[in-house]
Amino acid sequence: MPTLPRRRVGSSDVEVSALSLGSWHIYDRIHFGDAVDMVRAAVSAGVTLFDVGVYGGPGMPPAHTDVLWGAVMRASGIRRDEYLVSAKLWIEAFGDDGFRPQLENAFFRSGLDRADLVILGDLRRDDVALEDLVDDLAGLARAGLIRAWGVNNWSAANIRRLREIAAARGVDGPQIAQLKYSVARRSIPDGEPFARLFADGFTMQASDVLEGGILAGRTELTREIGRDPGGVREAISRTAADFVATAAKLGTSAARLAVAFTLTHPANVTTLVGTSTTAQVEDNLAAVELVERIGAEELRALVEPFWADRGIVDPEGP
């Protein structure tokens, strides 16, 4: 298995592994010992980045996957300087005290004292000034609580505005966008608005690469998965069997082929995967070799028929 490459997040000093492990609906549905084995195997293979969020708010059922992740990392014996953490911050909870209460709560729950990266959740409020977000995050960086920051599924225009505000203030702006990116959802990351951002050194993290398992052939949904921009999930489900067959013709798994596709995007510094077994980690890691064997251009051509949101989702983003 080839060494997992590391890539720089924008112009920051944060270097991340080409694959990163997520936590959403993961650690609360697998046995503790299996989770410890899984993260040990991942780190041994070169995975450095873990994406950890506090999920579940007022009026929602309690969620503990981040708490369990923290316990798993402590039990694994992996030192904090051997891995990086990307934490989620939610715009909905941004108030007079900024993001700090959220961040401190995330640290309390997971046992951390700092985040290497923080990702701002979707922008659904129109009463928050972007200037306030930039100023608050700059303060968290000065306090040594974060090293770099980015956004999750923001429009290219709003990201550009954040970067302009930060430049005018002489502080670091967003360095990365976590974007839905898969063989089925390509319109935003492959579109012209984000291409201009990427040309300026901005980077991305591919997420939702298996569409909640649908692209791996599991079309009967058994757990909550992300939202469905453009309403194309049904179309993705209809072609899932063909995608599995395409992977089989290449002598590989559908999951490996789906992950491999994301690695062909030049601005993608890390692909976020939601593994729940060591075998899944190993299969995803082998995607690096698959790209090398087939070649990026040929691989992208092979999966072209599965692009479901072409002409449906605005490349500018939400």
C-alpha atoms as a PDB file:
ATOM      1  CA  MET A   1       0.000   0.000   0.000  1.00  0.00           C
ATOM      2  CA  PRO A   2       1.484   3.380  -1.001  1.00  0.00           C
ATOM      3  CA  THR A   3       2.274   5.992   1.614  1.00  0.00           C
ATOM      4  CA  LEU A   4      -0.714   8.264   2.158  1.00  0.00           C
ATOM      5  CA  PRO A   5       0.166  11.707   0.737  1.00  0.00           C
ATOM      6  CA  ARG A   6      -0.066  14.864   2.832  1.00  0.00           C
ATOM      7  CA  ARG A   7      -1.248  18.181   1.479  1.00  0.00           C
ATOM      8  CA  ARG A   8      -1.299  21.740   2.757  1.00  0.00           C
ATOM      9  CA  VAL A   9      -4.598  23.392   3.723  1.00  0.00           C
ATOM     10  CA  GLY A  10      -4.629  26.602   1.710  1.00  0.00           C
ATOM     11  CA  SER A  11      -1.764  28.889   2.734  1.00  0.00           C
ATOM     12  CA  SER A  12      -1.835  27.730   6.376  1.00  0.00           C
ATOM     13  CA  ASP A  13       0.814  25.671   8.151  1.00  0.00           C
ATOM     14  CA  VAL A  14      -1.602  22.737   8.505  1.00  0.00           C
ATOM     15  CA  GLU A  15      -0.709  19.655   6.455  1.00  0.00           C
ATOM     16  CA  VAL A  16      -3.324  16.914   6.316  1.00  0.00           C
ATOM     17  CA  SER A  17      -3.462  13.357   5.055  1.00  0.00           C
ATOM     18  CA  ALA A  18      -5.193  12.730   1.738  1.00  0.00           C
ATOM     19  CA  LEU A  19      -7.853  10.774   3.633  1.00  0.00           C
ATOM     20  CA  SER A  20      -9.512  11.876   6.875  1.00  0.00           C
ATOM     21  CA  LEU A  21     -11.929  10.053   9.177  1.00  0.00           C
ATOM     22  CA  GLY A  22     -15.307  11.497  10.113  1.00  0.00           C
ATOM     23  CA  SER A  23     -17.377  11.010  13.233  1.00  0.00           C
ATOM     24  CA  TRP A  24     -20.995  11.660  12.225  1.00  0.00           C
ATOM     25  CA  HIS A  25     -23.097   8.627  13.280  1.00  0.00           C
ATOM     26  CA  ILE A  26     -19.938   6.536  13.520  1.00  0.00           C
ATOM     27  CA  TYR A  27     -18.634   5.936  17.032  1.00  0.00           C
ATOM     28  CA  ASP A  28     -22.081   5.533  18.579  1.00  0.00           C
ATOM     29  CA  ARG A  29     -22.844   2.527  16.380  1.00  0.00           C
ATOM     30  CA  ILE A  30     -19.689   0.413  16.617  1.00  0.00           C
ATOM     31  CA  HIS A  31     -18.164  -1.540  19.459  1.00  0.00           C
ATOM     32  CA  PHE A  32     -15.581   0.352  21.473  1.00  0.00           C
ATOM     33  CA  GLY A  33     -12.747  -2.133  20.994  1.00  0.00           C
ATOM     34  CA  ASP A  34     -13.389  -2.260  17.250  1.00  0.00           C
ATOM     35  CA  ALA A  35     -13.231   1.534  17.103  1.00  0.00           C
ATOM     36  CA  VAL A  36      -9.876   1.542  18.914  1.00  0.00           C
ATOM     37  CA  ASP A  37      -8.500  -1.025  16.459  1.00  0.00           C
ATOM     38  CA  MET A  38      -9.836   1.031  13.542  1.00  0.00           C
ATOM     39  CA  VAL A  39      -8.214   4.336  14.519  1.00  0.00           C
ATOM     40  CA  ARG A  40      -4.914   2.604  15.313  1.00  0.00           C
ATOM     41  CA  ALA A  41      -4.923   1.021  11.858  1.00  0.00           C
ATOM     42  CA  ALA A  42      -5.783   4.345  10.231  1.00  0.00           C
ATOM     43  CA  VAL A  43      -3.039   6.309  11.962  1.00  0.00           C
ATOM     44  CA  SER A  44      -0.507   3.542  11.308  1.00  0.00           C
ATOM     45  CA  ALA A  45      -1.367   3.774   7.610  1.00  0.00           C
ATOM     46  CA  GLY A  46      -0.823   7.534   7.520  1.00  0.00           C
ATOM     47  CA  VAL A  47      -4.204   9.065   8.336  1.00  0.00           C
ATOM     48  CA  THR A  48      -3.580  12.236  10.348  1.00  0.00           C
ATOM     49  CA  LEU A  49      -6.904  14.106  10.351  1.00  0.00           C
ATOM     50  CA  PHE A  50     -10.072  13.348  12.327  1.00  0.00           C
ATOM     51  CA  ASP A  51     -13.222  15.394  11.724  1.00  0.00           C
ATOM     52  CA  VAL A  52     -15.173  15.684  14.990  1.00  0.00           C
ATOM     53  CA  GLY A  53     -18.415  17.551  15.610  1.00  0.00           C
ATOM     54  CA  VAL A  54     -20.907  18.071  18.412  1.00  0.00           C
ATOM     55  CA  TYR A  55     -24.153  16.881  16.835  1.00  0.00           C
ATOM     56  CA  GLY A  56     -27.597  17.280  18.318  1.00  0.00           C
ATOM     57  CA  GLY A  57     -29.003  20.443  19.842  1.00  0.00           C
ATOM     58  CA  PRO A  58     -32.033  21.632  21.812  1.00  0.00           C
ATOM     59  CA  GLY A  59     -35.106  19.576  21.004  1.00  0.00           C
ATOM     60  CA  MET A  60     -33.043  16.804  19.424  1.00  0.00           C
ATOM     61  CA  PRO A  61     -32.089  13.413  20.867  1.00  0.00           C
ATOM     62  CA  PRO A  62     -28.751  13.379  22.746  1.00  0.00           C
ATOM     63  CA  ALA A  63     -25.735  12.586  20.561  1.00  0.00           C
ATOM     64  CA  HIS A  64     -22.480  11.226  21.938  1.00  0.00           C
ATOM     65  CA  THR A  65     -20.332  10.236  18.980  1.00  0.00           C
ATOM     66  CA  ASP A  66     -17.772  12.970  19.737  1.00  0.00           C
ATOM     67  CA  VAL A  67     -17.568  11.917  23.400  1.00  0.00           C
ATOM     68  CA  LEU A  68     -17.012   8.320  22.349  1.00  0.00           C
ATOM     69  CA  TRP A  69     -14.391   9.377  19.807  1.00  0.00           C
ATOM     70  CA  GLY A  70     -12.448  11.133  22.562  1.00  0.00           C
ATOM     71  CA  ALA A  71     -12.535   7.996  24.703  1.00  0.00           C
ATOM     72  CA  VAL A  72     -11.454   5.899  21.720  1.00  0.00           C
ATOM     73  CA  MET A  73      -8.443   8.131  21.065  1.00  0.00           C
ATOM     74  CA  ARG A  74      -7.384   7.997  24.703  1.00  0.00           C
ATOM     75  CA  ALA A  75      -7.721   4.210  24.778  1.00  0.00           C
ATOM     76  CA  SER A  76      -5.773   3.885  21.520  1.00  0.00           C
ATOM     77  CA  GLY A  77      -2.642   5.309  23.098  1.00  0.00           C
ATOM     78  CA  ILE A  78      -2.084   7.559  20.076  1.00  0.00           C
ATOM     79  CA  ARG A  79      -0.374  10.775  21.179  1.00  0.00           C
ATOM     80  CA  ARG A  80      -2.076  14.091  20.443  1.00  0.00           C
ATOM     81  CA  ASP A  81       0.916  15.227  18.399  1.00  0.00           C
ATOM     82  CA  GLU A  82       0.393  12.235  16.082  1.00  0.00           C
ATOM     83  CA  TYR A  83      -2.962  13.395  14.731  1.00  0.00           C
ATOM     84  CA  LEU A  84      -4.909  16.522  13.785  1.00  0.00           C
ATOM     85  CA  VAL A  85      -8.466  17.466  14.680  1.00  0.00           C
ATOM     86  CA  SER A  86     -11.027  19.357  12.618  1.00  0.00           C
ATOM     87  CA  ALA A  87     -13.938  20.591  14.756  1.00  0.00           C
ATOM     88  CA  LYS A  88     -17.346  21.887  13.652  1.00  0.00           C
ATOM     89  CA  LEU A  89     -18.756  25.271  14.658  1.00  0.00           C
ATOM     90  CA  TRP A  90     -22.376  26.151  13.988  1.00  0.00           C
ATOM     91  CA  ILE A  91     -23.485  29.586  12.764  1.00  0.00           C
ATOM     92  CA  GLU A  92     -26.894  29.052  14.394  1.00  0.00           C
ATOM     93  CA  ALA A  93     -25.247  29.208  17.841  1.00  0.00           C
ATOM     94  CA  PHE A  94     -23.009  32.204  17.131  1.00  0.00           C
ATOM     95  CA  GLY A  95     -23.917  34.873  19.713  1.00  0.00           C
ATOM     96  CA  ASP A  96     -22.564  37.721  21.800  1.00  0.00           C
ATOM     97  CA  ASP A  97     -19.661  35.555  23.011  1.00  0.00           C
ATOM     98  CA  GLY A  98     -18.842  34.366  19.518  1.00  0.00           C
ATOM     99  CA  PHE A  99     -17.785  30.796  18.829  1.00  0.00           C
ATOM    100  CA  ARG A 100     -15.740  30.308  21.982  1.00  0.00           C
ATOM    101  CA  PRO A 101     -18.503  28.715  24.109  1.00  0.00           C
ATOM    102  CA  GLN A 102     -19.144  26.177  21.349  1.00  0.00           C
ATOM    103  CA  LEU A 103     -15.484  25.418  20.973  1.00  0.00           C
ATOM    104  CA  GLU A 104     -14.917  25.027  24.701  1.00  0.00           C
ATOM    105  CA  ASN A 105     -17.927  22.705  24.916  1.00  0.00           C
ATOM    106  CA  ALA A 106     -16.507  20.621  22.060  1.00  0.00           C
ATOM    107  CA  PHE A 107     -13.171  20.407  23.882  1.00  0.00           C
ATOM    108  CA  PHE A 108     -14.928  19.457  27.142  1.00  0.00           C
ATOM    109  CA  ARG A 109     -16.858  16.645  25.460  1.00  0.00           C
ATOM    110  CA  SER A 110     -13.950  15.185  23.498  1.00  0.00           C
ATOM    111  CA  GLY A 111     -11.052  15.861  25.869  1.00  0.00           C
ATOM    112  CA  LEU A 112      -9.222  18.262  23.558  1.00  0.00           C
ATOM    113  CA  ASP A 113      -7.522  21.545  24.346  1.00  0.00           C
ATOM    114  CA  ARG A 114      -7.126  22.859  20.798  1.00  0.00           C
ATOM    115  CA  ALA A 115      -8.289  22.281  17.233  1.00  0.00           C
ATOM    116  CA  ASP A 116      -5.976  22.273  14.247  1.00  0.00           C
ATOM    117  CA  LEU A 117      -8.856  23.231  11.991  1.00  0.00           C
ATOM    118  CA  VAL A 118     -12.422  24.423  12.524  1.00  0.00           C
ATOM    119  CA  ILE A 119     -15.158  24.264   9.916  1.00  0.00           C
ATOM    120  CA  LEU A 120     -18.119  26.632  10.053  1.00  0.00           C
ATOM    121  CA  GLY A 121     -21.437  24.930   9.353  1.00  0.00           C
ATOM    122  CA  ASP A 122     -23.861  25.932   6.618  1.00  0.00           C
ATOM    123  CA  LEU A 123     -24.762  29.625   6.455  1.00  0.00           C
ATOM    124  CA  ARG A 124     -28.507  29.703   7.152  1.00  0.00           C
ATOM    125  CA  ARG A 125     -28.745  33.016   9.046  1.00  0.00           C
ATOM    126  CA  ASP A 126     -28.958  36.444   7.457  1.00  0.00           C
ATOM    127  CA  ASP A 127     -28.478  38.380  10.693  1.00  0.00           C
ATOM    128  CA  VAL A 128     -24.790  37.555  11.191  1.00  0.00           C
ATOM    129  CA  ALA A 129     -22.199  39.948   9.776  1.00  0.00           C
ATOM    130  CA  LEU A 130     -19.381  38.127   7.997  1.00  0.00           C
ATOM    131  CA  GLU A 131     -16.985  40.668   9.525  1.00  0.00           C
ATOM    132  CA  ASP A 132     -17.956  39.416  12.998  1.00  0.00           C
ATOM    133  CA  LEU A 133     -17.164  35.829  12.040  1.00  0.00           C
ATOM    134  CA  VAL A 134     -13.740  36.757  10.677  1.00  0.00           C
ATOM    135  CA  ASP A 135     -12.888  38.837  13.758  1.00  0.00           C
ATOM    136  CA  ASP A 136     -14.007  36.125  16.168  1.00  0.00           C
ATOM    137  CA  LEU A 137     -12.021  33.393  14.438  1.00  0.00           C
ATOM    138  CA  ALA A 138      -8.938  35.604  14.335  1.00  0.00           C
ATOM    139  CA  GLY A 139      -9.278  35.957  18.097  1.00  0.00           C
ATOM    140  CA  LEU A 140      -9.491  32.201  18.573  1.00  0.00           C
ATOM    141  CA  ALA A 141      -6.341  31.806  16.497  1.00  0.00           C
ATOM    142  CA  ARG A 142      -4.489  34.424  18.562  1.00  0.00           C
ATOM    143  CA  ALA A 143      -5.538  32.563  21.711  1.00  0.00           C
ATOM    144  CA  GLY A 144      -3.941  29.369  20.360  1.00  0.00           C
ATOM    145  CA  LEU A 145      -7.263  27.501  20.252  1.00  0.00           C
ATOM    146  CA  ILE A 146      -7.312  26.996  16.469  1.00  0.00           C
ATOM    147  CA  ARG A 147      -4.694  27.002  13.713  1.00  0.00           C
ATOM    148  CA  ALA A 148      -6.802  27.424  10.575  1.00  0.00           C
ATOM    149  CA  TRP A 149     -10.463  27.576   9.588  1.00  0.00           C
ATOM    150  CA  GLY A 150     -12.823  26.888   6.749  1.00  0.00           C
ATOM    151  CA  VAL A 151     -16.489  26.529   5.862  1.00  0.00           C
ATOM    152  CA  ASN A 152     -18.972  23.791   5.024  1.00  0.00           C
ATOM    153  CA  ASN A 153     -21.038  24.100   1.830  1.00  0.00           C
ATOM    154  CA  TRP A 154     -20.907  27.901   1.526  1.00  0.00           C
ATOM    155  CA  SER A 155     -21.318  29.708  -1.774  1.00  0.00           C
ATOM    156  CA  ALA A 156     -18.239  30.788  -3.682  1.00  0.00           C
ATOM    157  CA  ALA A 157     -19.353  34.442  -3.395  1.00  0.00           C
ATOM    158  CA  ASN A 158     -19.587  34.320   0.400  1.00  0.00           C
ATOM    159  CA  ILE A 159     -16.210  32.580   0.677  1.00  0.00           C
ATOM    160  CA  ARG A 160     -14.669  35.232  -1.550  1.00  0.00           C
ATOM    161  CA  ARG A 161     -16.191  37.926   0.653  1.00  0.00           C
ATOM    162  CA  LEU A 162     -14.766  36.294   3.803  1.00  0.00           C
ATOM    163  CA  ARG A 163     -11.322  36.255   2.219  1.00  0.00           C
ATOM    164  CA  GLU A 164     -11.597  39.919   1.230  1.00  0.00           C
ATOM    165  CA  ILE A 165     -12.608  40.909   4.766  1.00  0.00           C
ATOM    166  CA  ALA A 166      -9.733  38.938   6.264  1.00  0.00           C
ATOM    167  CA  ALA A 167      -7.219  40.450   3.845  1.00  0.00           C
ATOM    168  CA  ALA A 168      -8.409  43.957   4.688  1.00  0.00           C
ATOM    169  CA  ARG A 169      -7.980  43.205   8.400  1.00  0.00           C
ATOM    170  CA  GLY A 170      -4.593  41.561   7.984  1.00  0.00           C
ATOM    171  CA  VAL A 171      -5.740  38.245   9.449  1.00  0.00           C
ATOM    172  CA  ASP A 172      -6.051  34.737   8.078  1.00  0.00           C
ATOM    173  CA  GLY A 173      -9.263  34.014   6.196  1.00  0.00           C
ATOM    174  CA  PRO A 174     -10.880  30.696   5.314  1.00  0.00           C
ATOM    175  CA  GLN A 175      -8.446  28.215   3.820  1.00  0.00           C
ATOM    176  CA  ILE A 176     -10.723  25.322   2.916  1.00  0.00           C
ATOM    177  CA  ALA A 177     -14.308  24.413   2.077  1.00  0.00           C
ATOM    178  CA  GLN A 178     -15.856  21.103   2.995  1.00  0.00           C
ATOM    179  CA  LEU A 179     -17.948  20.369  -0.110  1.00  0.00           C
ATOM    180  CA  LYS A 180     -20.183  17.537  -1.158  1.00  0.00           C
ATOM    181  CA  TYR A 181     -18.142  15.853  -3.877  1.00  0.00           C
ATOM    182  CA  SER A 182     -18.658  12.460  -5.443  1.00  0.00           C
ATOM    183  CA  VAL A 183     -19.097  10.792  -8.807  1.00  0.00           C
ATOM    184  CA  ALA A 184     -22.737  11.913  -8.535  1.00  0.00           C
ATOM    185  CA  ARG A 185     -22.380  15.420  -7.043  1.00  0.00           C
ATOM    186  CA  ARG A 186     -19.813  17.418  -8.996  1.00  0.00           C
ATOM    187  CA  SER A 187     -21.444  20.632 -10.157  1.00  0.00           C
ATOM    188  CA  ILE A 188     -20.157  22.881  -7.357  1.00  0.00           C
ATOM    189  CA  PRO A 189     -16.528  21.705  -6.883  1.00  0.00           C
ATOM    190  CA  ASP A 190     -16.032  21.261 -10.635  1.00  0.00           C
ATOM    191  CA  GLY A 191     -17.728  24.556 -11.543  1.00  0.00           C
ATOM    192  CA  GLU A 192     -16.191  27.856 -12.600  1.00  0.00           C
ATOM    193  CA  PRO A 193     -16.962  29.892  -9.421  1.00  0.00           C
ATOM    194  CA  PHE A 194     -14.958  27.544  -7.208  1.00  0.00           C
ATOM    195  CA  ALA A 195     -12.298  27.059  -9.890  1.00  0.00           C
ATOM    196  CA  ARG A 196     -11.468  30.760  -9.489  1.00  0.00           C
ATOM    197  CA  LEU A 197     -11.125  30.324  -5.722  1.00  0.00           C
ATOM    198  CA  PHE A 198      -8.938  27.258  -6.152  1.00  0.00           C
ATOM    199  CA  ALA A 199      -6.719  29.159  -8.580  1.00  0.00           C
ATOM    200  CA  ASP A 200      -6.044  31.626  -5.731  1.00  0.00           C
ATOM    201  CA  GLY A 201      -4.779  28.867  -3.437  1.00  0.00           C
ATOM    202  CA  PHE A 202      -8.055  28.005  -1.705  1.00  0.00           C
ATOM    203  CA  THR A 203      -8.543  24.280  -1.072  1.00  0.00           C
ATOM    204  CA  MET A 204     -11.322  21.811  -0.404  1.00  0.00           C
ATOM    205  CA  GLN A 205     -12.193  18.714   1.580  1.00  0.00           C
ATOM    206  CA  ALA A 206     -14.425  16.255  -0.271  1.00  0.00           C
ATOM    207  CA  SER A 207     -17.315  14.991   1.855  1.00  0.00           C
ATOM    208  CA  ASP A 208     -20.402  12.779   1.396  1.00  0.00           C
ATOM    209  CA  VAL A 209     -18.391  10.800  -1.135  1.00  0.00           C
ATOM    210  CA  LEU A 210     -20.514   7.641  -0.816  1.00  0.00           C
ATOM    211  CA  GLU A 211     -23.887   9.367  -0.478  1.00  0.00           C
ATOM    212  CA  GLY A 212     -24.494   7.688   2.860  1.00  0.00           C
ATOM    213  CA  GLY A 213     -23.491   4.290   1.456  1.00  0.00           C
ATOM    214  CA  ILE A 214     -25.717   4.415  -1.639  1.00  0.00           C
ATOM    215  CA  LEU A 215     -22.728   4.556  -3.995  1.00  0.00           C
ATOM    216  CA  ALA A 216     -21.321   1.486  -2.265  1.00  0.00           C
ATOM    217  CA  GLY A 217     -24.507  -0.383  -3.225  1.00  0.00           C
ATOM    218  CA  ARG A 218     -26.476   0.085   0.007  1.00  0.00           C
ATOM    219  CA  THR A 219     -29.626   1.701  -1.390  1.00  0.00           C
ATOM    220  CA  GLU A 220     -31.820   0.835   1.598  1.00  0.00           C
ATOM    221  CA  LEU A 221     -31.072   3.697   3.991  1.00  0.00           C
ATOM    222  CA  THR A 222     -30.728   2.641   7.628  1.00  0.00           C
ATOM    223  CA  ARG A 223     -29.347   5.862   9.140  1.00  0.00           C
ATOM    224  CA  GLU A 224     -29.561   9.609   8.725  1.00  0.00           C
ATOM    225  CA  ILE A 225     -27.481  11.014   5.889  1.00  0.00           C
ATOM    226  CA  GLY A 226     -26.822  14.519   4.624  1.00  0.00           C
ATOM    227  CA  ARG A 227     -29.224  16.801   2.793  1.00  0.00           C
ATOM    228  CA  ASP A 228     -30.026  16.351  -0.889  1.00  0.00           C
ATOM    229  CA  PRO A 229     -29.224  19.508  -2.917  1.00  0.00           C
ATOM    230  CA  GLY A 230     -31.038  19.420  -6.235  1.00  0.00           C
ATOM    231  CA  GLY A 231     -33.189  16.468  -5.188  1.00  0.00           C
ATOM    232  CA  VAL A 232     -30.986  13.967  -7.040  1.00  0.00           C
ATOM    233  CA  ARG A 233     -30.711  11.222  -4.427  1.00  0.00           C
ATOM    234  CA  GLU A 234     -33.352   9.071  -6.108  1.00  0.00           C
ATOM    235  CA  ALA A 235     -31.472   9.334  -9.395  1.00  0.00           C
ATOM    236  CA  ILE A 236     -28.254   8.354  -7.610  1.00  0.00           C
ATOM    237  CA  SER A 237     -29.981   5.298  -6.131  1.00  0.00           C
ATOM    238  CA  ARG A 238     -31.214   4.224  -9.566  1.00  0.00           C
ATOM    239  CA  THR A 239     -27.684   4.108 -10.970  1.00  0.00           C
ATOM    240  CA  ALA A 240     -25.975   2.656  -7.884  1.00  0.00           C
ATOM    241  CA  ALA A 241     -26.045  -0.912  -9.182  1.00  0.00           C
ATOM    242  CA  ASP A 242     -24.402   0.179 -12.435  1.00  0.00           C
ATOM    243  CA  PHE A 243     -21.715   1.991 -10.469  1.00  0.00           C
ATOM    244  CA  VAL A 244     -21.024  -1.153  -8.415  1.00  0.00           C
ATOM    245  CA  ALA A 245     -20.767  -3.110 -11.683  1.00  0.00           C
ATOM    246  CA  THR A 246     -18.321  -0.565 -13.123  1.00  0.00           C
ATOM    247  CA  ALA A 247     -16.101  -0.978 -10.083  1.00  0.00           C
ATOM    248  CA  ALA A 248     -16.282  -4.759 -10.350  1.00  0.00           C
ATOM    249  CA  LYS A 249     -15.073  -4.603 -13.959  1.00  0.00           C
ATOM    250  CA  LEU A 250     -12.007  -2.755 -12.675  1.00  0.00           C
ATOM    251  CA  GLY A 251     -11.441  -5.438 -10.052  1.00  0.00           C
ATOM    252  CA  THR A 252     -12.172  -3.081  -7.195  1.00  0.00           C
ATOM    253  CA  SER A 253     -14.948  -2.100  -4.793  1.00  0.00           C
ATOM    254  CA  ALA A 254     -17.488   0.637  -5.416  1.00  0.00           C
ATOM    255  CA  ALA A 255     -16.381   2.441  -2.249  1.00  0.00           C
ATOM    256  CA  ARG A 256     -12.749   2.417  -3.352  1.00  0.00           C
ATOM    257  CA  LEU A 257     -13.654   3.733  -6.800  1.00  0.00           C
ATOM    258  CA  ALA A 258     -15.810   6.492  -5.293  1.00  0.00           C
ATOM    259  CA  VAL A 259     -13.020   7.616  -2.985  1.00  0.00           C
ATOM    260  CA  ALA A 260     -10.452   7.387  -5.780  1.00  0.00           C
ATOM    261  CA  PHE A 261     -12.504   9.759  -7.933  1.00  0.00           C
ATOM    262  CA  THR A 262     -12.346  12.486  -5.290  1.00  0.00           C
ATOM    263  CA  LEU A 263      -8.559  12.189  -5.124  1.00  0.00           C
ATOM    264  CA  THR A 264      -8.334  13.286  -8.767  1.00  0.00           C
ATOM    265  CA  HIS A 265      -9.505  16.842  -8.010  1.00  0.00           C
ATOM    266  CA  PRO A 266      -6.384  19.054  -7.878  1.00  0.00           C
ATOM    267  CA  ALA A 267      -7.742  21.324  -5.112  1.00  0.00           C
ATOM    268  CA  ASN A 268      -8.907  18.486  -2.865  1.00  0.00           C
ATOM    269  CA  VAL A 269      -6.398  18.187  -0.032  1.00  0.00           C
ATOM    270  CA  THR A 270      -8.279  15.523   1.941  1.00  0.00           C
ATOM    271  CA  THR A 271     -11.282  13.276   1.401  1.00  0.00           C
ATOM    272  CA  LEU A 272     -13.529  12.737   4.408  1.00  0.00           C
ATOM    273  CA  VAL A 273     -14.702   9.157   4.806  1.00  0.00           C
ATOM    274  CA  GLY A 274     -17.021   7.629   7.377  1.00  0.00           C
ATOM    275  CA  THR A 275     -15.542   4.246   8.144  1.00  0.00           C
ATOM    276  CA  SER A 276     -16.856   1.944  10.861  1.00  0.00           C
ATOM    277  CA  THR A 277     -14.498  -1.026  10.419  1.00  0.00           C
ATOM    278  CA  THR A 278     -10.787  -1.560   9.900  1.00  0.00           C
ATOM    279  CA  ALA A 279     -11.588  -3.324   6.625  1.00  0.00           C
ATOM    280  CA  GLN A 280     -13.321  -0.195   5.335  1.00  0.00           C
ATOM    281  CA  VAL A 281     -10.296   1.913   6.291  1.00  0.00           C
ATOM    282  CA  GLU A 282      -8.018  -0.424   4.353  1.00  0.00           C
ATOM    283  CA  ASP A 283     -10.338  -0.410   1.331  1.00  0.00           C
ATOM    284  CA  ASN A 284     -10.484   3.400   1.287  1.00  0.00           C
ATOM    285  CA  LEU A 285      -6.708   3.697   1.667  1.00  0.00           C
ATOM    286  CA  ALA A 286      -6.249   1.520  -1.398  1.00  0.00           C
ATOM    287  CA  ALA A 287      -7.975   4.241  -3.449  1.00  0.00           C
ATOM    288  CA  VAL A 288      -4.595   5.978  -3.694  1.00  0.00           C
ATOM    289  CA  GLU A 289      -3.165   2.987  -5.540  1.00  0.00           C
ATOM    290  CA  LEU A 290      -6.259   2.794  -7.757  1.00  0.00           C
ATOM    291  CA  VAL A 291      -5.711   6.347  -9.019  1.00  0.00           C
ATOM    292  CA  GLU A 292      -2.073   5.544  -9.743  1.00  0.00           C
ATOM    293  CA  ARG A 293      -3.022   2.339 -11.593  1.00  0.00           C
ATOM    294  CA  ILE A 294      -5.780   3.777 -13.788  1.00  0.00           C
ATOM    295  CA  GLY A 295      -4.727   7.408 -14.039  1.00  0.00           C
ATOM    296  CA  ALA A 296      -6.791  10.412 -13.033  1.00  0.00           C
ATOM    297  CA  GLU A 297      -7.993  11.331 -16.505  1.00  0.00           C
ATOM    298  CA  GLU A 298      -9.139   7.816 -17.375  1.00  0.00           C
ATOM    299  CA  LEU A 299     -10.775   7.339 -13.989  1.00  0.00           C
ATOM    300  CA  ARG A 300     -12.789  10.548 -14.340  1.00  0.00           C
ATOM    301  CA  ALA A 301     -13.928   9.479 -17.797  1.00  0.00           C
ATOM    302  CA  LEU A 302     -15.090   6.093 -16.500  1.00  0.00           C
ATOM    303  CA  VAL A 303     -17.400   7.619 -13.895  1.00  0.00           C
ATOM    304  CA  GLU A 304     -18.735  10.451 -16.082  1.00  0.00           C
ATOM    305  CA  PRO A 305     -22.120   8.700 -16.656  1.00  0.00           C
ATOM    306  CA  PHE A 306     -22.857   8.810 -12.920  1.00  0.00           C
ATOM    307  CA  TRP A 307     -22.778  12.625 -12.612  1.00  0.00           C
ATOM    308  CA  ALA A 308     -26.333  13.179 -11.308  1.00  0.00           C
ATOM    309  CA  ASP A 309     -26.438  16.896 -10.481  1.00  0.00           C
ATOM    310  CA  ARG A 310     -25.065  18.213 -13.781  1.00  0.00           C
ATOM    311  CA  GLY A 311     -27.172  21.188 -14.913  1.00  0.00           C
ATOM    312  CA  ILE A 312     -29.356  20.888 -11.808  1.00  0.00           C
ATOM    313  CA  VAL A 313     -27.318  22.399  -8.980  1.00  0.00           C
ATOM    314  CA  ASP A 314     -25.958  25.941  -9.329  1.00  0.00           C
ATOM    315  CA  PRO A 315     -22.124  25.797  -9.421  1.00  0.00           C
ATOM    316  CA  GLU A 316     -22.037  28.956  -7.290  1.00  0.00           C
ATOM    317  CA  GLY A 317     -23.221  26.920  -4.321  1.00  0.00           C
ATOM    318  CA  PRO A 318     -25.912  27.612  -1.735  1.00  0.00           C
END
